[in-house]
Amino acid sequence: MAQPLSASRLVKALRDEGLKVVEHRSWRTHNRNSKGPWGPVHGVVIHHTVTSGTAKSVDICYNGYPSLPGPLCHGVIAKDGTVYLVGNGRANHAGLGDDDVLKAVIEERALPATNENNTDGNRSFYGFECINLGDGEDPWPAAQLEAIEKASAAICRAHGWTQRSVIGHKEWTNTKIDPKGFSMRGMRTRIGSRLKGKPDGPAPTDPPTGQYEPFPGSDFFHVGQRSPIITAMGKRLVQEGCSRYEQGPGPQWSEADRKSYAAWQRKLGYSGPAADGIPGKESWKKLHVPNV
């Protein structure tokens, strides 16, 4: 039995394990706590999204659907291994599952087969949605599998759990098939091996000196301006969960670029005229646009 990690402790645990973490929108206060209890927590459930595309998948997991409001997990693990945090608290991810499975997780022993769905899993489990179509054909890149291993180990390490506290959604309920395409038994072996060693240490947050695109000045960003810098900027805005693009991003400055950058400014805490969507020196420095 354990109390849930605070938002700050969760971020630190993941980064200390060597993961790249993106804090998406207002994830720190985004939860379903008004609909039921959150905690004590006992383990981690791994899912696949049945979606493709990072920005789309992250938005879906943050917002949810009319019939199932978000957050739909705590973190989304992209194919490149980046973890996007979308919720902090109770999340609509595990649903009802087998009480015998929960007992096995708590006791950290072999899992029984699921034969009933009578227990609220949203109360007891952290959830990670991993971007994959779930059709058995969509590949699981090595970087993504490593991130699943690291994210699971990070939470187990923070709570003093073993790898037996990590289960697949299909091991929690007999109504689901996820994650499909890799073995949870094999993943637990990987997590167990990782837990025997020390964390990898914080992932580098900065590229080597000189790899950032210098601020070109606010006057650079105007209608008609074309530059690969604008494309690179747009890609970083997508990575930060600030995309307002229907297509792109592309090399020509557009209203979509302005709206996306305004979202980035608001994410940094700017408001009013300071969040007008025109890059300024300080917000540009924090965006870390790579050299082109």
Protein backbone atom coordinates (compact mmCIF):
# COMPACT_ATOMS: atom_id res chain seq x y z
CA MET A 1 0.00 0.00 0.00
CA ALA A 2 1.36 3.42 -0.90
CA GLN A 3 0.21 6.98 -1.25
CA PRO A 4 0.39 8.30 -4.83
CA LEU A 5 3.47 10.25 -5.83
CA SER A 6 3.07 14.00 -6.07
CA ALA A 7 3.43 15.52 -9.52
CA SER A 8 6.93 16.77 -8.73
CA ARG A 9 8.05 13.40 -7.34
CA LEU A 10 6.67 11.59 -10.38
CA VAL A 11 8.53 13.86 -12.79
CA LYS A 12 11.75 13.48 -10.80
CA ALA A 13 11.43 9.70 -10.63
CA LEU A 14 10.94 9.40 -14.39
CA ARG A 15 13.77 11.78 -15.25
CA ASP A 16 16.12 10.19 -12.73
CA GLU A 17 15.54 6.89 -14.53
CA GLY A 18 16.90 8.52 -17.69
CA LEU A 19 13.65 9.36 -19.47
CA LYS A 20 12.82 12.39 -21.55
CA VAL A 21 9.64 13.83 -20.00
CA VAL A 22 7.27 16.40 -21.52
CA GLU A 23 4.72 18.02 -19.20
CA HIS A 24 1.59 18.39 -21.33
CA ARG A 25 -0.71 21.34 -20.70
CA SER A 26 -2.22 21.42 -17.17
CA TRP A 27 -1.47 17.76 -16.41
CA ARG A 28 -0.57 18.50 -12.78
CA THR A 29 -4.18 19.37 -11.94
CA HIS A 30 -5.90 17.20 -14.57
CA ASN A 31 -7.66 14.19 -13.04
CA ARG A 32 -10.96 12.43 -12.29
CA ASN A 33 -10.68 12.74 -8.49
CA SER A 34 -14.19 14.17 -8.28
CA LYS A 35 -15.57 10.83 -9.55
CA GLY A 36 -13.89 8.50 -7.08
CA PRO A 37 -10.86 7.87 -4.86
CA TRP A 38 -7.27 7.94 -6.02
CA GLY A 39 -5.06 5.71 -3.91
CA PRO A 40 -3.70 3.90 -2.14
CA VAL A 41 -1.76 2.78 -5.20
CA HIS A 42 -0.44 -0.73 -5.75
CA GLY A 43 1.01 -0.95 -9.26
CA VAL A 44 1.31 0.10 -12.89
CA VAL A 45 -0.86 -0.90 -15.86
CA ILE A 46 0.56 -0.82 -19.40
CA HIS A 47 -1.79 -0.14 -22.36
CA HIS A 48 -1.61 0.49 -26.10
CA THR A 49 -3.48 3.46 -27.57
CA VAL A 50 -4.88 2.00 -30.84
CA THR A 51 -3.84 5.33 -32.41
CA SER A 52 -0.95 6.66 -34.46
CA GLY A 53 0.84 9.99 -34.33
CA THR A 54 2.28 11.54 -31.19
CA ALA A 55 0.38 14.85 -31.05
CA LYS A 56 -2.97 13.22 -31.84
CA SER A 57 -2.45 10.41 -29.34
CA VAL A 58 -1.35 12.74 -26.54
CA ASP A 59 -4.35 15.02 -27.10
CA ILE A 60 -6.76 12.06 -27.04
CA CYS A 61 -5.25 10.75 -23.81
CA TYR A 62 -5.46 14.21 -22.26
CA ASN A 63 -8.98 15.08 -23.43
CA GLY A 64 -10.61 11.65 -23.66
CA TYR A 65 -13.93 11.14 -25.44
CA PRO A 66 -17.51 12.29 -24.74
CA SER A 67 -18.28 8.85 -23.34
CA LEU A 68 -14.97 8.56 -21.45
CA PRO A 69 -13.48 11.88 -20.30
CA GLY A 70 -9.75 12.33 -19.87
CA PRO A 71 -7.22 11.87 -18.62
CA LEU A 72 -7.10 8.34 -20.01
CA CYS A 73 -3.77 7.61 -18.31
CA HIS A 74 -0.98 9.32 -16.44
CA GLY A 75 1.62 9.21 -19.18
CA VAL A 76 1.79 8.55 -22.92
CA ILE A 77 4.92 6.78 -24.16
CA ALA A 78 5.75 7.76 -27.74
CA LYS A 79 7.58 5.60 -30.25
CA ASP A 80 10.78 7.62 -29.75
CA GLY A 81 10.67 6.91 -26.00
CA THR A 82 9.48 10.33 -24.86
CA VAL A 83 6.99 10.26 -21.97
CA TYR A 84 4.20 12.86 -22.16
CA LEU A 85 2.53 13.39 -18.78
CA VAL A 86 -1.20 14.04 -19.20
CA GLY A 87 -2.76 13.37 -15.80
CA ASN A 88 -2.07 13.48 -12.08
CA GLY A 89 -4.59 11.64 -9.94
CA ARG A 90 -7.42 9.31 -10.81
CA ALA A 91 -7.50 8.56 -14.55
CA ASN A 92 -9.91 6.61 -16.76
CA HIS A 93 -7.52 3.87 -17.84
CA ALA A 94 -7.85 0.58 -15.98
CA GLY A 95 -11.60 0.32 -15.39
CA LEU A 96 -13.02 -2.74 -13.68
CA GLY A 97 -10.83 -5.80 -13.21
CA ASP A 98 -10.34 -8.92 -11.13
CA ASP A 99 -9.93 -8.56 -7.36
CA ASP A 100 -7.76 -11.69 -7.33
CA VAL A 101 -5.33 -9.98 -9.70
CA LEU A 102 -5.17 -6.94 -7.41
CA LYS A 103 -4.41 -9.21 -4.44
CA ALA A 104 -1.61 -10.87 -6.41
CA VAL A 105 -0.14 -7.48 -7.35
CA ILE A 106 -0.27 -6.33 -3.73
CA GLU A 107 1.42 -9.55 -2.60
CA GLU A 108 3.80 -9.41 -5.59
CA ARG A 109 3.23 -12.99 -6.66
CA ALA A 110 2.28 -14.77 -9.89
CA LEU A 111 -0.90 -13.46 -11.53
CA PRO A 112 -4.04 -15.61 -11.67
CA ALA A 113 -6.17 -15.80 -14.81
CA THR A 114 -8.88 -13.15 -14.90
CA ASN A 115 -12.44 -14.44 -14.60
CA GLU A 116 -14.42 -11.49 -13.27
CA ASN A 117 -14.45 -7.70 -13.36
CA ASN A 118 -15.51 -6.53 -9.95
CA THR A 119 -12.83 -4.11 -8.74
CA ASP A 120 -12.06 -0.45 -9.51
CA GLY A 121 -8.60 -0.30 -11.08
CA ASN A 122 -8.57 3.46 -11.62
CA ARG A 123 -8.17 3.88 -7.89
CA SER A 124 -5.17 1.59 -7.51
CA PHE A 125 -2.99 1.81 -10.61
CA TYR A 126 -0.81 4.26 -12.48
CA GLY A 127 -1.42 3.92 -16.21
CA PHE A 128 0.82 4.38 -19.24
CA GLU A 129 -0.65 4.43 -22.75
CA CYS A 130 1.92 3.42 -25.36
CA ILE A 131 1.40 4.65 -28.91
CA ASN A 132 0.66 1.61 -31.06
CA LEU A 133 -2.19 0.48 -33.31
CA GLY A 134 -2.49 -2.73 -31.33
CA ASP A 135 -3.00 -4.84 -34.46
CA GLY A 136 0.03 -7.07 -33.91
CA GLU A 137 1.74 -5.54 -36.95
CA ASP A 138 2.56 -2.00 -35.82
CA PRO A 139 6.18 -2.22 -34.62
CA TRP A 140 7.41 -1.54 -31.10
CA PRO A 141 10.69 0.38 -31.52
CA ALA A 142 13.52 -0.42 -29.13
CA ALA A 143 13.41 3.14 -27.76
CA GLN A 144 9.73 2.77 -26.88
CA LEU A 145 10.18 -0.61 -25.18
CA GLU A 146 13.11 0.79 -23.21
CA ALA A 147 10.94 3.73 -22.12
CA ILE A 148 8.18 1.34 -20.94
CA GLU A 149 10.82 -0.52 -18.94
CA LYS A 150 12.25 2.69 -17.47
CA ALA A 151 8.90 4.31 -16.65
CA SER A 152 7.69 1.17 -14.90
CA ALA A 153 10.96 0.79 -13.02
CA ALA A 154 10.91 4.45 -11.99
CA ILE A 155 7.56 4.09 -10.26
CA CYS A 156 8.46 0.72 -8.73
CA ARG A 157 11.72 2.18 -7.44
CA ALA A 158 9.94 5.21 -5.94
CA HIS A 159 7.50 2.97 -4.05
CA GLY A 160 9.86 0.11 -3.21
CA TRP A 161 7.95 -2.36 -5.41
CA THR A 162 9.29 -5.22 -7.50
CA GLN A 163 8.58 -5.86 -11.18
CA ARG A 164 5.53 -7.96 -10.16
CA SER A 165 3.71 -4.68 -9.51
CA VAL A 166 3.62 -4.03 -13.29
CA ILE A 167 0.86 -5.66 -15.34
CA GLY A 168 -0.70 -5.38 -18.77
CA HIS A 169 -4.29 -4.25 -19.19
CA LYS A 170 -5.11 -7.71 -20.52
CA GLU A 171 -3.82 -9.19 -17.26
CA TRP A 172 -6.19 -6.98 -15.25
CA THR A 173 -9.42 -7.73 -17.13
CA ASN A 174 -10.66 -10.41 -19.54
CA THR A 175 -12.22 -7.74 -21.79
CA LYS A 176 -8.97 -6.25 -23.15
CA ILE A 177 -6.06 -7.41 -25.32
CA ASP A 178 -3.49 -4.70 -24.63
CA PRO A 179 -0.64 -4.39 -24.87
CA LYS A 180 -0.39 -6.51 -28.01
CA GLY A 181 2.92 -7.10 -29.72
CA PHE A 182 5.28 -7.82 -26.83
CA SER A 183 5.30 -10.07 -23.78
CA MET A 184 4.47 -8.63 -20.37
CA ARG A 185 6.39 -11.53 -18.81
CA GLY A 186 9.44 -10.49 -20.80
CA MET A 187 8.90 -6.84 -19.91
CA ARG A 188 8.75 -7.71 -16.21
CA THR A 189 12.06 -9.55 -16.58
CA ARG A 190 13.57 -6.39 -18.08
CA ILE A 191 12.14 -4.24 -15.28
CA GLY A 192 13.47 -6.65 -12.64
CA SER A 193 16.96 -6.50 -14.13
CA ARG A 194 16.84 -2.70 -14.19
CA LEU A 195 15.73 -2.52 -10.57
CA LYS A 196 18.84 -4.48 -9.52
CA GLY A 197 20.99 -1.59 -10.66
CA LYS A 198 21.01 2.14 -10.11
CA PRO A 199 18.91 4.60 -12.16
CA ASP A 200 20.54 5.85 -15.34
CA GLY A 201 20.46 9.39 -13.97
CA PRO A 202 18.61 12.37 -15.40
CA ALA A 203 18.37 12.41 -19.17
CA PRO A 204 20.17 15.38 -20.69
CA THR A 205 17.75 18.26 -21.07
CA ASP A 206 20.03 20.29 -23.30
CA PRO A 207 21.85 19.38 -26.51
CA PRO A 208 25.55 20.17 -26.73
CA THR A 209 26.48 23.85 -26.66
CA GLY A 210 25.83 25.55 -29.97
CA GLN A 211 23.08 23.19 -31.10
CA TYR A 212 20.21 25.59 -30.37
CA GLU A 213 18.94 27.96 -33.04
CA PRO A 214 19.73 31.52 -31.87
CA PHE A 215 16.79 33.89 -31.53
CA PRO A 216 16.35 35.58 -34.93
CA GLY A 217 14.42 38.55 -33.50
CA SER A 218 10.68 39.14 -33.25
CA ASP A 219 10.61 40.99 -36.59
CA PHE A 220 11.67 37.76 -38.29
CA PHE A 221 8.21 36.28 -37.72
CA HIS A 222 5.83 37.91 -40.18
CA VAL A 223 3.43 36.92 -42.94
CA GLY A 224 5.36 35.76 -45.99
CA GLN A 225 8.52 34.79 -44.13
CA ARG A 226 9.86 31.39 -45.21
CA SER A 227 12.67 29.60 -43.41
CA PRO A 228 13.61 26.12 -42.19
CA ILE A 229 13.83 27.76 -38.76
CA ILE A 230 10.04 28.11 -38.79
CA THR A 231 9.65 24.41 -39.58
CA ALA A 232 12.06 23.48 -36.77
CA MET A 233 10.19 25.77 -34.39
CA GLY A 234 6.87 24.16 -35.37
CA LYS A 235 8.21 20.67 -34.74
CA ARG A 236 9.33 21.69 -31.25
CA LEU A 237 5.89 23.19 -30.54
CA VAL A 238 4.31 19.87 -31.55
CA GLN A 239 6.69 18.02 -29.20
CA GLU A 240 5.68 20.36 -26.37
CA GLY A 241 1.98 19.64 -26.93
CA CYS A 242 1.27 23.15 -28.23
CA SER A 243 0.30 22.27 -31.79
CA ARG A 244 -2.53 24.20 -33.39
CA TYR A 245 -1.64 22.89 -36.84
CA GLU A 246 -4.12 21.14 -39.11
CA GLN A 247 -1.27 20.41 -41.51
CA GLY A 248 2.42 20.98 -41.16
CA PRO A 249 4.31 22.61 -39.65
CA GLY A 250 5.90 24.11 -42.73
CA PRO A 251 8.53 26.66 -43.61
CA GLN A 252 6.20 29.64 -44.12
CA TRP A 253 5.00 31.65 -41.12
CA SER A 254 1.26 31.24 -40.75
CA GLU A 255 -1.61 31.88 -38.37
CA ALA A 256 -1.26 28.28 -37.19
CA ASP A 257 2.35 29.05 -36.20
CA ARG A 258 1.23 32.11 -34.28
CA LYS A 259 -1.53 30.22 -32.44
CA SER A 260 0.84 27.36 -31.63
CA TYR A 261 3.48 29.71 -30.29
CA ALA A 262 0.83 31.54 -28.25
CA ALA A 263 -0.04 28.18 -26.68
CA TRP A 264 3.65 27.75 -25.81
CA GLN A 265 3.77 31.21 -24.24
CA ARG A 266 0.68 30.41 -22.15
CA LYS A 267 2.28 27.11 -21.09
CA LEU A 268 5.20 29.14 -19.78
CA GLY A 269 2.79 31.29 -17.78
CA TYR A 270 2.55 34.34 -20.04
CA SER A 271 -0.81 36.00 -20.65
CA GLY A 272 -2.36 38.97 -22.41
CA PRO A 273 -0.06 40.81 -24.85
CA ALA A 274 2.86 38.68 -23.66
CA ALA A 275 1.11 35.63 -25.17
CA ASP A 276 0.42 37.10 -28.60
CA GLY A 277 2.11 34.27 -30.50
CA ILE A 278 5.13 36.30 -31.67
CA PRO A 279 8.33 34.72 -30.35
CA GLY A 280 10.31 36.67 -27.78
CA LYS A 281 13.87 36.10 -26.66
CA GLU A 282 13.13 34.36 -23.34
CA SER A 283 10.34 32.08 -24.61
CA TRP A 284 12.46 31.17 -27.65
CA LYS A 285 15.40 30.28 -25.43
CA LYS A 286 13.23 27.91 -23.40
CA LEU A 287 11.77 26.24 -26.53
CA HIS A 288 15.23 24.88 -27.52
CA VAL A 289 14.82 24.94 -31.28
CA PRO A 290 17.65 22.84 -32.78
CA ASN A 291 20.00 24.33 -35.33
CA VAL A 292 18.97 23.90 -38.97
